[in-house]
Structures are given as C-alpha cells and as structure tokens.
PDB file of N, CA and C in Angstrom:
ATOM      1  N   UNK A   1     181.167 213.530 300.813  1.00  0.00           N
ATOM      2  CA  UNK A   1     182.601 213.654 300.643  1.00  0.00           C
ATOM      3  C   UNK A   1     183.274 214.213 301.901  1.00  0.00           C
ATOM      4  N   UNK A   2     182.585 215.253 302.461  1.00  0.00           N
ATOM      5  CA  UNK A   2     183.159 215.840 303.661  1.00  0.00           C
ATOM      6  C   UNK A   2     183.201 214.824 304.798  1.00  0.00           C
ATOM      7  N   UNK A   3     182.163 213.993 304.880  1.00  0.00           N
ATOM      8  CA  UNK A   3     182.111 212.984 305.936  1.00  0.00           C
ATOM      9  C   UNK A   3     183.209 211.937 305.744  1.00  0.00           C
ATOM     10  N   UNK A   4     183.443 211.528 304.527  1.00  0.00           N
ATOM     11  CA  UNK A   4     184.487 210.550 304.231  1.00  0.00           C
ATOM     12  C   UNK A   4     185.849 211.138 304.577  1.00  0.00           C
ATOM     13  N   UNK A   5     186.082 212.369 304.219  1.00  0.00           N
ATOM     14  CA  UNK A   5     187.347 213.027 304.530  1.00  0.00           C
ATOM     15  C   UNK A   5     187.516 213.143 306.043  1.00  0.00           C
ATOM     16  N   UNK A   6     186.427 213.487 306.716  1.00  0.00           N
ATOM     17  CA  UNK A   6     186.467 213.618 308.172  1.00  0.00           C
ATOM     18  C   UNK A   6     186.766 212.268 308.817  1.00  0.00           C
ATOM     19  N   UNK A   7     186.126 211.210 308.320  1.00  0.00           N
ATOM     20  CA  UNK A   7     186.368 209.868 308.842  1.00  0.00           C
ATOM     21  C   UNK A   7     187.805 209.420 308.589  1.00  0.00           C
ATOM     22  N   UNK A   8     188.326 209.725 307.406  1.00  0.00           N
ATOM     23  CA  UNK A   8     189.722 209.371 307.085  1.00  0.00           C
ATOM     24  C   UNK A   8     190.688 210.088 308.025  1.00  0.00           C
ATOM     25  N   UNK A   9     190.378 211.357 308.276  1.00  0.00           N
ATOM     26  CA  UNK A   9     191.225 212.137 309.175  1.00  0.00           C
ATOM     27  C   UNK A   9     191.178 211.535 310.584  1.00  0.00           C
ATOM     28  N   UNK A  10     189.993 211.158 311.060  1.00  0.00           N
ATOM     29  CA  UNK A  10     189.865 210.529 312.370  1.00  0.00           C
ATOM     30  C   UNK A  10     190.599 209.194 312.409  1.00  0.00           C
ATOM     31  N   UNK A  11     190.488 208.437 311.330  1.00  0.00           N
ATOM     32  CA  UNK A  11     191.181 207.154 311.239  1.00  0.00           C
ATOM     33  C   UNK A  11     192.690 207.366 311.295  1.00  0.00           C
ATOM     34  N   UNK A  12     193.175 208.347 310.553  1.00  0.00           N
ATOM     35  CA  UNK A  12     194.604 208.646 310.543  1.00  0.00           C
ATOM     36  C   UNK A  12     195.079 209.078 311.933  1.00  0.00           C
ATOM     37  N   UNK A  13     194.297 209.898 312.612  1.00  0.00           N
ATOM     38  CA  UNK A  13     194.642 210.339 313.967  1.00  0.00           C
ATOM     39  C   UNK A  13     194.658 209.150 314.927  1.00  0.00           C
ATOM     40  N   UNK A  14     193.688 208.275 314.788  1.00  0.00           N
ATOM     41  CA  UNK A  14     193.631 207.079 315.631  1.00  0.00           C
ATOM     42  C   UNK A  14     194.837 206.178 315.382  1.00  0.00           C
ATOM     43  N   UNK A  15     195.201 206.046 314.102  1.00  0.00           N
ATOM     44  CA  UNK A  15     196.367 205.233 313.773  1.00  0.00           C
ATOM     45  C   UNK A  15     197.643 205.841 314.367  1.00  0.00           C
ATOM     46  N   UNK A  16     197.761 207.158 314.276  1.00  0.00           N
ATOM     47  CA  UNK A  16     198.935 207.831 314.851  1.00  0.00           C
ATOM     48  C   UNK A  16     198.986 207.643 316.362  1.00  0.00           C
ATOM     49  N   UNK A  17     197.831 207.773 317.024  1.00  0.00           N
ATOM     50  CA  UNK A  17     197.776 207.550 318.471  1.00  0.00           C
ATOM     51  C   UNK A  17     198.157 206.118 318.812  1.00  0.00           C
ATOM     52  N   UNK A  18     197.645 205.174 318.026  1.00  0.00           N
ATOM     53  CA  UNK A  18     197.946 203.759 318.262  1.00  0.00           C
ATOM     54  C   UNK A  18     199.438 203.503 318.088  1.00  0.00           C
ATOM     55  N   UNK A  19     200.030 204.073 317.042  1.00  0.00           N
ATOM     56  CA  UNK A  19     201.481 203.914 316.822  1.00  0.00           C
ATOM     57  C   UNK A  19     202.272 204.481 318.005  1.00  0.00           C
ATOM     58  N   UNK A  20     201.858 205.663 318.484  1.00  0.00           N
ATOM     59  CA  UNK A  20     202.545 206.288 319.611  1.00  0.00           C
ATOM     60  C   UNK A  20     202.426 205.420 320.867  1.00  0.00           C
ATOM     61  N   UNK A  21     201.226 204.887 321.106  1.00  0.00           N
ATOM     62  CA  UNK A  21     201.040 204.020 322.269  1.00  0.00           C
ATOM     63  C   UNK A  21     201.873 202.748 322.162  1.00  0.00           C
ATOM     64  N   UNK A  22     201.906 202.163 320.980  1.00  0.00           N
ATOM     65  CA  UNK A  22     202.708 200.953 320.769  1.00  0.00           C
ATOM     66  C   UNK A  22     204.184 201.261 321.002  1.00  0.00           C
ATOM     67  N   UNK A  23     204.646 202.402 320.507  1.00  0.00           N
ATOM     68  CA  UNK A  23     206.047 202.777 320.716  1.00  0.00           C
ATOM     69  C   UNK A  23     206.341 202.983 322.199  1.00  0.00           C
ATOM     70  N   UNK A  24     205.420 203.642 322.901  1.00  0.00           N
ATOM     71  CA  UNK A  24     205.599 203.831 324.350  1.00  0.00           C
ATOM     72  C   UNK A  24     205.661 202.493 325.076  1.00  0.00           C
ATOM     73  N   UNK A  25     204.793 201.568 324.692  1.00  0.00           N
ATOM     74  CA  UNK A  25     204.809 200.238 325.304  1.00  0.00           C
ATOM     75  C   UNK A  25     206.108 199.507 325.014  1.00  0.00           C
ATOM     76  N   UNK A  26     206.601 199.637 323.803  1.00  0.00           N
ATOM     77  CA  UNK A  26     207.891 199.020 323.459  1.00  0.00           C
ATOM     78  C   UNK A  26     209.011 199.588 324.320  1.00  0.00           C
ATOM     79  N   UNK A  27     209.008 200.917 324.462  1.00  0.00           N
ATOM     80  CA  UNK A  27     210.041 201.559 325.285  1.00  0.00           C
ATOM     81  C   UNK A  27     209.962 201.096 326.746  1.00  0.00           C
ATOM     82  N   UNK A  28     208.749 201.038 327.286  1.00  0.00           N
ATOM     83  CA  UNK A  28     208.579 200.597 328.667  1.00  0.00           C
ATOM     84  C   UNK A  28     208.971 199.138 328.837  1.00  0.00           C
ATOM     85  N   UNK A  29     208.599 198.307 327.877  1.00  0.00           N
ATOM     86  CA  UNK A  29     208.965 196.894 327.930  1.00  0.00           C
ATOM     87  C   UNK A  29     210.477 196.731 327.874  1.00  0.00           C
ATOM     88  N   UNK A  30     211.116 197.509 327.033  1.00  0.00           N
ATOM     89  CA  UNK A  30     212.580 197.459 326.937  1.00  0.00           C
ATOM     90  C   UNK A  30     213.211 197.892 328.258  1.00  0.00           C
ATOM     91  N   UNK A  31     212.689 198.964 328.856  1.00  0.00           N
ATOM     92  CA  UNK A  31     213.226 199.451 330.126  1.00  0.00           C
ATOM     93  C   UNK A  31     213.057 198.404 331.232  1.00  0.00           C
ATOM     94  N   UNK A  32     211.875 197.771 331.271  1.00  0.00           N
ATOM     95  CA  UNK A  32     211.649 196.741 332.288  1.00  0.00           C
ATOM     96  C   UNK A  32     212.556 195.540 332.065  1.00  0.00           C
ATOM     97  N   UNK A  33     212.746 195.165 330.830  1.00  0.00           N
ATOM     98  CA  UNK A  33     213.639 194.047 330.527  1.00  0.00           C
ATOM     99  C   UNK A  33     215.062 194.346 330.938  1.00  0.00           C
ATOM    100  N   UNK A  34     215.517 195.558 330.654  1.00  0.00           N
ATOM    101  CA  UNK A  34     216.876 195.953 331.041  1.00  0.00           C
ATOM    102  C   UNK A  34     217.014 195.960 332.557  1.00  0.00           C
ATOM    103  N   UNK A  35     215.995 196.465 333.240  1.00  0.00           N
ATOM    104  CA  UNK A  35     216.021 196.480 334.702  1.00  0.00           C
ATOM    105  C   UNK A  35     216.041 195.079 335.276  1.00  0.00           C
ATOM    106  N   UNK A  36     215.266 194.196 334.696  1.00  0.00           N
ATOM    107  CA  UNK A  36     215.218 192.810 335.167  1.00  0.00           C
ATOM    108  C   UNK A  36     216.568 192.133 334.994  1.00  0.00           C
ATOM    109  N   UNK A  37     217.207 192.410 333.890  1.00  0.00           N
ATOM    110  CA  UNK A  37     218.532 191.828 333.649  1.00  0.00           C
ATOM    111  C   UNK A  37     219.515 192.323 334.703  1.00  0.00           C
ATOM    112  N   UNK A  38     219.452 193.614 335.004  1.00  0.00           N
ATOM    113  CA  UNK A  38     220.337 194.180 336.025  1.00  0.00           C
ATOM    114  C   UNK A  38     220.091 193.571 337.387  1.00  0.00           C
ATOM    115  N   UNK A  39     218.828 193.403 337.745  1.00  0.00           N
ATOM    116  CA  UNK A  39     218.486 192.796 339.038  1.00  0.00           C
ATOM    117  C   UNK A  39     218.959 191.350 339.069  1.00  0.00           C
ATOM    118  N   UNK A  40     218.775 190.645 337.980  1.00  0.00           N
ATOM    119  CA  UNK A  40     219.218 189.252 337.910  1.00  0.00           C
ATOM    120  C   UNK A  40     220.725 189.125 338.085  1.00  0.00           C
ATOM    121  N   UNK A  41     221.467 190.015 337.451  1.00  0.00           N
ATOM    122  CA  UNK A  41     222.921 189.987 337.588  1.00  0.00           C
ATOM    123  C   UNK A  41     223.335 190.295 339.026  1.00  0.00           C
ATOM    124  N   UNK A  42     222.672 191.276 339.615  1.00  0.00           N
ATOM    125  CA  UNK A  42     222.989 191.645 341.004  1.00  0.00           C
ATOM    126  C   UNK A  42     222.655 190.495 341.946  1.00  0.00           C
ATOM    127  N   UNK A  43     221.542 189.834 341.703  1.00  0.00           N
ATOM    128  CA  UNK A  43     221.151 188.693 342.519  1.00  0.00           C
ATOM    129  C   UNK A  43     222.178 187.568 342.408  1.00  0.00           C
ATOM    130  N   UNK A  44     222.673 187.335 341.203  1.00  0.00           N
ATOM    131  CA  UNK A  44     223.707 186.308 341.016  1.00  0.00           C
ATOM    132  C   UNK A  44     224.969 186.653 341.790  1.00  0.00           C
ATOM    133  N   UNK A  45     225.352 187.944 341.785  1.00  0.00           N
ATOM    134  CA  UNK A  45     226.537 188.369 342.530  1.00  0.00           C
ATOM    135  C   UNK A  45     226.349 188.152 344.031  1.00  0.00           C
ATOM    136  N   UNK A  46     225.179 188.509 344.537  1.00  0.00           N
ATOM    137  CA  UNK A  46     224.899 188.337 345.962  1.00  0.00           C
ATOM    138  C   UNK A  46     224.892 186.852 346.325  1.00  0.00           C
ATOM    139  N   UNK A  47     224.303 186.042 345.471  1.00  0.00           N
ATOM    140  CA  UNK A  47     224.266 184.600 345.706  1.00  0.00           C
ATOM    141  C   UNK A  47     225.685 184.026 345.736  1.00  0.00           C
ATOM    142  N   UNK A  48     226.524 184.494 344.837  1.00  0.00           N
ATOM    143  CA  UNK A  48     227.914 184.027 344.791  1.00  0.00           C
ATOM    144  C   UNK A  48     228.646 184.410 346.077  1.00  0.00           C
ATOM    145  N   UNK A  49     228.447 185.646 346.536  1.00  0.00           N
ATOM    146  CA  UNK A  49     229.097 186.095 347.775  1.00  0.00           C
ATOM    147  C   UNK A  49     228.581 185.313 348.983  1.00  0.00           C
ATOM    148  N   UNK A  50     227.290 185.019 348.996  1.00  0.00           N
ATOM    149  CA  UNK A  50     226.723 184.238 350.086  1.00  0.00           C
ATOM    150  C   UNK A  50     227.327 182.840 350.116  1.00  0.00           C
ATOM    151  N   UNK A  51     227.438 182.218 348.962  1.00  0.00           N
ATOM    152  CA  UNK A  51     228.045 180.881 348.900  1.00  0.00           C
ATOM    153  C   UNK A  51     229.496 180.915 349.368  1.00  0.00           C
ATOM    154  N   UNK A  52     230.229 181.957 348.973  1.00  0.00           N
ATOM    155  CA  UNK A  52     231.619 182.087 349.416  1.00  0.00           C
ATOM    156  C   UNK A  52     231.692 182.256 350.927  1.00  0.00           C
ATOM    157  N   UNK A  53     230.789 183.057 351.475  1.00  0.00           N
ATOM    158  CA  UNK A  53     230.774 183.276 352.925  1.00  0.00           C
ATOM    159  C   UNK A  53     230.440 181.977 353.663  1.00  0.00           C
ATOM    160  N   UNK A  54     229.501 181.211 353.118  1.00  0.00           N
ATOM    161  CA  UNK A  54     229.143 179.943 353.752  1.00  0.00           C
ATOM    162  C   UNK A  54     230.310 178.961 353.702  1.00  0.00           C
ATOM    163  N   UNK A  55     231.001 178.915 352.569  1.00  0.00           N
ATOM    164  CA  UNK A  55     232.172 178.044 352.456  1.00  0.00           C
ATOM    165  C   UNK A  55     233.263 178.473 353.431  1.00  0.00           C
ATOM    166  N   UNK A  56     233.443 179.768 353.547  1.00  0.00           N
ATOM    167  CA  UNK A  56     234.449 180.304 354.474  1.00  0.00           C
ATOM    168  C   UNK A  56     234.094 179.952 355.917  1.00  0.00           C
ATOM    169  N   UNK A  57     232.821 180.033 356.254  1.00  0.00           N
ATOM    170  CA  UNK A  57     232.388 179.693 357.600  1.00  0.00           C
ATOM    171  C   UNK A  57     232.674 178.224 357.898  1.00  0.00           C
ATOM    172  N   UNK A  58     232.382 177.362 356.937  1.00  0.00           N
ATOM    173  CA  UNK A  58     232.646 175.932 357.121  1.00  0.00           C
ATOM    174  C   UNK A  58     234.144 175.695 357.300  1.00  0.00           C
ATOM    175  N   UNK A  59     234.957 176.382 356.500  1.00  0.00           N
ATOM    176  CA  UNK A  59     236.413 176.247 356.618  1.00  0.00           C
ATOM    177  C   UNK A  59     236.882 176.670 358.004  1.00  0.00           C
ATOM    178  N   UNK A  60     236.367 177.789 358.479  1.00  0.00           N
ATOM    179  CA  UNK A  60     236.769 178.276 359.800  1.00  0.00           C
ATOM    180  C   UNK A  60     236.342 177.312 360.899  1.00  0.00           C
ATOM    181  N   UNK A  61     235.159 176.756 360.767  1.00  0.00           N
ATOM    182  CA  UNK A  61     234.705 175.789 361.765  1.00  0.00           C
ATOM    183  C   UNK A  61     235.560 174.539 361.749  1.00  0.00           C
ATOM    184  N   UNK A  62     236.023 174.136 360.561  1.00  0.00           N
ATOM    185  CA  UNK A  62     236.848 172.939 360.453  1.00  0.00           C
ATOM    186  C   UNK A  62     238.270 173.178 360.943  1.00  0.00           C
ATOM    187  N   UNK A  63     238.746 174.421 360.854  1.00  0.00           N
ATOM    188  CA  UNK A  63     240.100 174.733 361.313  1.00  0.00           C
ATOM    189  C   UNK A  63     240.211 174.660 362.828  1.00  0.00           C
ATOM    190  N   UNK A  64     239.131 174.988 363.516  1.00  0.00           N
ATOM    191  CA  UNK A  64     239.151 174.981 364.975  1.00  0.00           C
ATOM    192  C   UNK A  64     238.125 173.976 365.478  1.00  0.00           C
ATOM    193  N   UNK A  65     238.502 172.692 365.479  1.00  0.00           N
ATOM    194  CA  UNK A  65     237.537 171.685 365.880  1.00  0.00           C
ATOM    195  C   UNK A  65     237.065 171.846 367.318  1.00  0.00           C
ATOM    196  N   UNK A  66     237.839 172.532 368.142  1.00  0.00           N
ATOM    197  CA  UNK A  66     237.447 172.759 369.532  1.00  0.00           C
ATOM    198  C   UNK A  66     236.243 173.667 369.653  1.00  0.00           C
ATOM    199  N   UNK A  67     235.997 174.507 368.645  1.00  0.00           N
ATOM    200  CA  UNK A  67     234.866 175.424 368.703  1.00  0.00           C
ATOM    201  C   UNK A  67     233.579 174.794 368.185  1.00  0.00           C
ATOM    202  N   UNK A  68     233.684 173.620 367.575  1.00  0.00           N
ATOM    203  CA  UNK A  68     232.514 172.978 367.001  1.00  0.00           C
ATOM    204  C   UNK A  68     231.413 172.699 368.026  1.00  0.00           C
ATOM    205  N   UNK A  69     231.740 172.166 369.223  1.00  0.00           N
ATOM    206  CA  UNK A  69     230.670 171.953 370.196  1.00  0.00           C
ATOM    207  C   UNK A  69     229.978 173.262 370.592  1.00  0.00           C
ATOM    208  N   UNK A  70     230.738 174.342 370.643  1.00  0.00           N
ATOM    209  CA  UNK A  70     230.145 175.631 371.012  1.00  0.00           C
ATOM    210  C   UNK A  70     229.223 176.142 369.896  1.00  0.00           C
ATOM    211  N   UNK A  71     229.651 175.978 368.669  1.00  0.00           N
ATOM    212  CA  UNK A  71     228.821 176.393 367.539  1.00  0.00           C
ATOM    213  C   UNK A  71     227.518 175.600 367.538  1.00  0.00           C
ATOM    214  N   UNK A  72     227.641 174.314 367.749  1.00  0.00           N
ATOM    215  CA  UNK A  72     226.458 173.458 367.793  1.00  0.00           C
ATOM    216  C   UNK A  72     225.567 173.839 368.981  1.00  0.00           C
ATOM    217  N   UNK A  73     226.197 174.109 370.121  1.00  0.00           N
ATOM    218  CA  UNK A  73     225.446 174.489 371.318  1.00  0.00           C
ATOM    219  C   UNK A  73     224.682 175.793 371.088  1.00  0.00           C
ATOM    220  N   UNK A  74     225.311 176.749 370.430  1.00  0.00           N
ATOM    221  CA  UNK A  74     224.647 178.029 370.148  1.00  0.00           C
ATOM    222  C   UNK A  74     223.441 177.801 369.261  1.00  0.00           C
ATOM    223  N   UNK A  75     223.595 176.963 368.270  1.00  0.00           N
ATOM    224  CA  UNK A  75     222.462 176.669 367.385  1.00  0.00           C
ATOM    225  C   UNK A  75     221.320 175.998 368.152  1.00  0.00           C
ATOM    226  N   UNK A  76     221.687 175.085 369.054  1.00  0.00           N
ATOM    227  CA  UNK A  76     220.650 174.426 369.854  1.00  0.00           C
ATOM    228  C   UNK A  76     219.920 175.429 370.751  1.00  0.00           C
ATOM    229  N   UNK A  77     220.680 176.328 371.357  1.00  0.00           N
ATOM    230  CA  UNK A  77     220.068 177.335 372.232  1.00  0.00           C
ATOM    231  C   UNK A  77     219.142 178.234 371.420  1.00  0.00           C
ATOM    232  N   UNK A  78     219.553 178.594 370.206  1.00  0.00           N
ATOM    233  CA  UNK A  78     218.704 179.419 369.346  1.00  0.00           C
ATOM    234  C   UNK A  78     217.394 178.702 369.022  1.00  0.00           C
ATOM    235  N   UNK A  79     217.422 177.370 369.031  1.00  0.00           N
ATOM    236  CA  UNK A  79     216.209 176.606 368.748  1.00  0.00           C
ATOM    237  C   UNK A  79     215.415 176.308 370.025  1.00  0.00           C
ATOM    238  N   UNK A  80     215.924 176.787 371.173  1.00  0.00           N
ATOM    239  CA  UNK A  80     215.163 176.643 372.415  1.00  0.00           C
ATOM    240  C   UNK A  80     215.684 175.597 373.378  1.00  0.00           C
ATOM    241  N   UNK A  81     216.868 175.074 373.157  1.00  0.00           N
ATOM    242  CA  UNK A  81     217.415 174.053 374.050  1.00  0.00           C
ATOM    243  C   UNK A  81     217.788 174.668 375.397  1.00  0.00           C
ATOM    244  N   UNK A  82     217.720 173.854 376.441  1.00  0.00           N
ATOM    245  CA  UNK A  82     218.090 174.296 377.791  1.00  0.00           C
ATOM    246  C   UNK A  82     219.567 174.005 378.041  1.00  0.00           C
ATOM    247  N   UNK A  83     220.075 174.512 379.154  1.00  0.00           N
ATOM    248  CA  UNK A  83     221.465 174.257 379.514  1.00  0.00           C
ATOM    249  C   UNK A  83     221.694 172.756 379.709  1.00  0.00           C
ATOM    250  N   UNK A  84     220.716 172.075 380.287  1.00  0.00           N
ATOM    251  CA  UNK A  84     220.829 170.623 380.479  1.00  0.00           C
ATOM    252  C   UNK A  84     220.943 169.908 379.130  1.00  0.00           C
ATOM    253  N   UNK A  85     220.182 170.367 378.147  1.00  0.00           N
ATOM    254  CA  UNK A  85     220.278 169.776 376.806  1.00  0.00           C
ATOM    255  C   UNK A  85     221.677 169.948 376.235  1.00  0.00           C
ATOM    256  N   UNK A  86     222.276 171.108 376.480  1.00  0.00           N
ATOM    257  CA  UNK A  86     223.634 171.355 375.974  1.00  0.00           C
ATOM    258  C   UNK A  86     224.634 170.425 376.634  1.00  0.00           C
ATOM    259  N   UNK A  87     224.483 170.208 377.938  1.00  0.00           N
ATOM    260  CA  UNK A  87     225.382 169.289 378.642  1.00  0.00           C
ATOM    261  C   UNK A  87     225.231 167.882 378.063  1.00  0.00           C
ATOM    262  N   UNK A  88     223.995 167.469 377.879  1.00  0.00           N
ATOM    263  CA  UNK A  88     223.738 166.107 377.394  1.00  0.00           C
ATOM    264  C   UNK A  88     224.166 165.890 375.940  1.00  0.00           C
ATOM    265  N   UNK A  89     223.953 166.896 375.082  1.00  0.00           N
ATOM    266  CA  UNK A  89     224.179 166.700 373.641  1.00  0.00           C
ATOM    267  C   UNK A  89     225.512 167.210 373.117  1.00  0.00           C
ATOM    268  N   UNK A  90     226.140 168.127 373.830  1.00  0.00           N
ATOM    269  CA  UNK A  90     227.380 168.729 373.303  1.00  0.00           C
ATOM    270  C   UNK A  90     228.607 168.375 374.129  1.00  0.00           C
ATOM    271  N   UNK A  91     228.403 167.722 375.241  1.00  0.00           N
ATOM    272  CA  UNK A  91     229.544 167.364 376.080  1.00  0.00           C
ATOM    273  C   UNK A  91     230.154 168.566 376.784  1.00  0.00           C
ATOM    274  N   UNK A  92     229.383 169.605 376.993  1.00  0.00           N
ATOM    275  CA  UNK A  92     229.889 170.790 377.685  1.00  0.00           C
ATOM    276  C   UNK A  92     229.734 170.618 379.187  1.00  0.00           C
ATOM    277  N   UNK A  93     230.568 171.335 379.917  1.00  0.00           N
ATOM    278  CA  UNK A  93     230.409 171.385 381.373  1.00  0.00           C
ATOM    279  C   UNK A  93     229.161 172.212 381.675  1.00  0.00           C
ATOM    280  N   UNK A  94     228.580 171.966 382.838  1.00  0.00           N
ATOM    281  CA  UNK A  94     227.344 172.675 383.204  1.00  0.00           C
ATOM    282  C   UNK A  94     227.565 174.192 383.208  1.00  0.00           C
ATOM    283  N   UNK A  95     228.731 174.629 383.669  1.00  0.00           N
ATOM    284  CA  UNK A  95     229.035 176.061 383.724  1.00  0.00           C
ATOM    285  C   UNK A  95     229.079 176.654 382.316  1.00  0.00           C
ATOM    286  N   UNK A  96     229.687 175.917 381.379  1.00  0.00           N
ATOM    287  CA  UNK A  96     229.746 176.387 379.996  1.00  0.00           C
ATOM    288  C   UNK A  96     228.342 176.480 379.394  1.00  0.00           C
ATOM    289  N   UNK A  97     227.539 175.467 379.656  1.00  0.00           N
ATOM    290  CA  UNK A  97     226.172 175.449 379.129  1.00  0.00           C
ATOM    291  C   UNK A  97     225.351 176.603 379.707  1.00  0.00           C
ATOM    292  N   UNK A  98     225.512 176.846 381.011  1.00  0.00           N
ATOM    293  CA  UNK A  98     224.802 177.966 381.641  1.00  0.00           C
ATOM    294  C   UNK A  98     225.236 179.300 381.040  1.00  0.00           C
ATOM    295  N   UNK A  99     226.530 179.437 380.801  1.00  0.00           N
ATOM    296  CA  UNK A  99     227.054 180.675 380.234  1.00  0.00           C
ATOM    297  C   UNK A  99     226.493 180.913 378.828  1.00  0.00           C
ATOM    298  N   UNK A 100     226.490 179.888 378.002  1.00  0.00           N
ATOM    299  CA  UNK A 100     225.958 180.023 376.644  1.00  0.00           C
ATOM    300  C   UNK A 100     224.477 180.382 376.699  1.00  0.00           C
ATOM    301  N   UNK A 101     223.728 179.731 377.563  1.00  0.00           N
ATOM    302  CA  UNK A 101     222.298 180.039 377.703  1.00  0.00           C
ATOM    303  C   UNK A 101     222.085 181.472 378.167  1.00  0.00           C
ATOM    304  N   UNK A 102     222.891 181.909 379.132  1.00  0.00           N
ATOM    305  CA  UNK A 102     222.770 183.271 379.652  1.00  0.00           C
ATOM    306  C   UNK A 102     223.091 184.305 378.571  1.00  0.00           C
ATOM    307  N   UNK A 103     224.181 184.084 377.853  1.00  0.00           N
ATOM    308  CA  UNK A 103     224.563 185.014 376.784  1.00  0.00           C
ATOM    309  C   UNK A 103     223.474 185.059 375.712  1.00  0.00           C
ATOM    310  N   UNK A 104     222.956 183.903 375.355  1.00  0.00           N
ATOM    311  CA  UNK A 104     221.900 183.869 374.330  1.00  0.00           C
ATOM    312  C   UNK A 104     220.654 184.615 374.803  1.00  0.00           C
ATOM    313  N   UNK A 105     220.301 184.442 376.067  1.00  0.00           N
ATOM    314  CA  UNK A 105     219.100 185.133 376.559  1.00  0.00           C
ATOM    315  C   UNK A 105     219.307 186.642 376.543  1.00  0.00           C
ATOM    316  N   UNK A 106     220.514 187.109 376.828  1.00  0.00           N
ATOM    317  CA  UNK A 106     220.810 188.548 376.769  1.00  0.00           C
ATOM    318  C   UNK A 106     220.771 189.056 375.330  1.00  0.00           C
ATOM    319  N   UNK A 107     221.329 188.272 374.437  1.00  0.00           N
ATOM    320  CA  UNK A 107     221.321 188.642 373.016  1.00  0.00           C
ATOM    321  C   UNK A 107     219.883 188.733 372.523  1.00  0.00           C
ATOM    322  N   UNK A 108     219.087 187.744 372.876  1.00  0.00           N
ATOM    323  CA  UNK A 108     217.692 187.724 372.453  1.00  0.00           C
ATOM    324  C   UNK A 108     216.927 188.905 373.056  1.00  0.00           C
ATOM    325  N   UNK A 109     217.212 189.209 374.312  1.00  0.00           N
ATOM    326  CA  UNK A 109     216.540 190.310 374.995  1.00  0.00           C
ATOM    327  C   UNK A 109     216.855 191.642 374.317  1.00  0.00           C
ATOM    328  N   UNK A 110     218.077 191.793 373.852  1.00  0.00           N
ATOM    329  CA  UNK A 110     218.480 193.050 373.211  1.00  0.00           C
ATOM    330  C   UNK A 110     218.150 193.077 371.727  1.00  0.00           C
ATOM    331  N   UNK A 111     217.644 191.969 371.179  1.00  0.00           N
ATOM    332  CA  UNK A 111     217.194 191.956 369.792  1.00  0.00           C
ATOM    333  C   UNK A 111     218.274 191.627 368.770  1.00  0.00           C
ATOM    334  N   UNK A 112     219.392 191.065 369.216  1.00  0.00           N
ATOM    335  CA  UNK A 112     220.436 190.655 368.285  1.00  0.00           C
ATOM    336  C   UNK A 112     220.308 189.170 368.011  1.00  0.00           C
ATOM    337  N   UNK A 113     221.057 188.744 366.980  1.00  0.00           N
ATOM    338  CA  UNK A 113     221.215 187.312 366.755  1.00  0.00           C
ATOM    339  C   UNK A 113     222.665 187.005 367.041  1.00  0.00           C
ATOM    340  N   UNK A 114     222.932 185.765 367.392  1.00  0.00           N
ATOM    341  CA  UNK A 114     224.300 185.382 367.738  1.00  0.00           C
ATOM    342  C   UNK A 114     225.249 185.675 366.588  1.00  0.00           C
ATOM    343  N   UNK A 115     224.781 185.554 365.339  1.00  0.00           N
ATOM    344  CA  UNK A 115     225.640 185.798 364.188  1.00  0.00           C
ATOM    345  C   UNK A 115     226.054 187.264 364.101  1.00  0.00           C
ATOM    346  N   UNK A 116     225.249 188.171 364.664  1.00  0.00           N
ATOM    347  CA  UNK A 116     225.565 189.596 364.625  1.00  0.00           C
ATOM    348  C   UNK A 116     226.771 189.920 365.483  1.00  0.00           C
ATOM    349  N   UNK A 117     227.035 189.081 366.466  1.00  0.00           N
ATOM    350  CA  UNK A 117     228.100 189.366 367.420  1.00  0.00           C
ATOM    351  C   UNK A 117     229.414 188.774 366.967  1.00  0.00           C
ATOM    352  N   UNK A 118     229.371 187.633 366.316  1.00  0.00           N
ATOM    353  CA  UNK A 118     230.605 186.987 365.895  1.00  0.00           C
ATOM    354  C   UNK A 118     231.179 187.627 364.675  1.00  0.00           C
TER     355      UNK A 118
END
C-alpha cells in the first residue's frame, strides 16, 4: 500500500511538472509568435519605404534627363568600366569621363559608395 501511494505521489508530481513544462512552452511559443509578427510588420514597413525611395529615385532621374548619362556612367564605373568605356557608351567628353573615374576612385579609396554622397 505504501508503495502504491508513493508511486501515485510520484506520478502526480510528474504530471504537475509536465503541466508546468507544457505551460512554459506555450508561453514561449506565444512570445516567439508575437515577436515574429512584429518583425514581419516592421519588415513590411521597411520594404514599403524602400519601394517608395526607389520610385522617387526613378522620378528624379526622369525629371532631369541631362543627368541620366552621368547616372549610367557612375554605375558603369562602379562595375569597373574605364574612362574610355564611358566616352564610348555614355557619350561623355573625355574630360567628364576622367573626372567621374577619378571621383569614383577617391570614393572607393575612402570606403564610400557613390550613393552615400548623393
């Protein structure tokens, strides 16, 4: 009888521990779910702002068609194009192409990106 009572008591204690662990897991799962929802919402907001910024950039580039060759030239230089490539592909004067290449090399040397300056 004493052994049965002892076993029942151990079983009851084990059940209580299991219930407590299950409750803790539920609480942690709920907290993680809430956190994930918050991160997802924040990510959506950032994505929306990025899309707006990209649209704004396109609008600005379209408003000043004269700057388009320079924007394209900067992108080419960032990809490794030479001043001669800029003259051939963007219709820039050699002096303009040299200047863009020189500025880009200084920016690269100092660890900036061209977008950081504009």
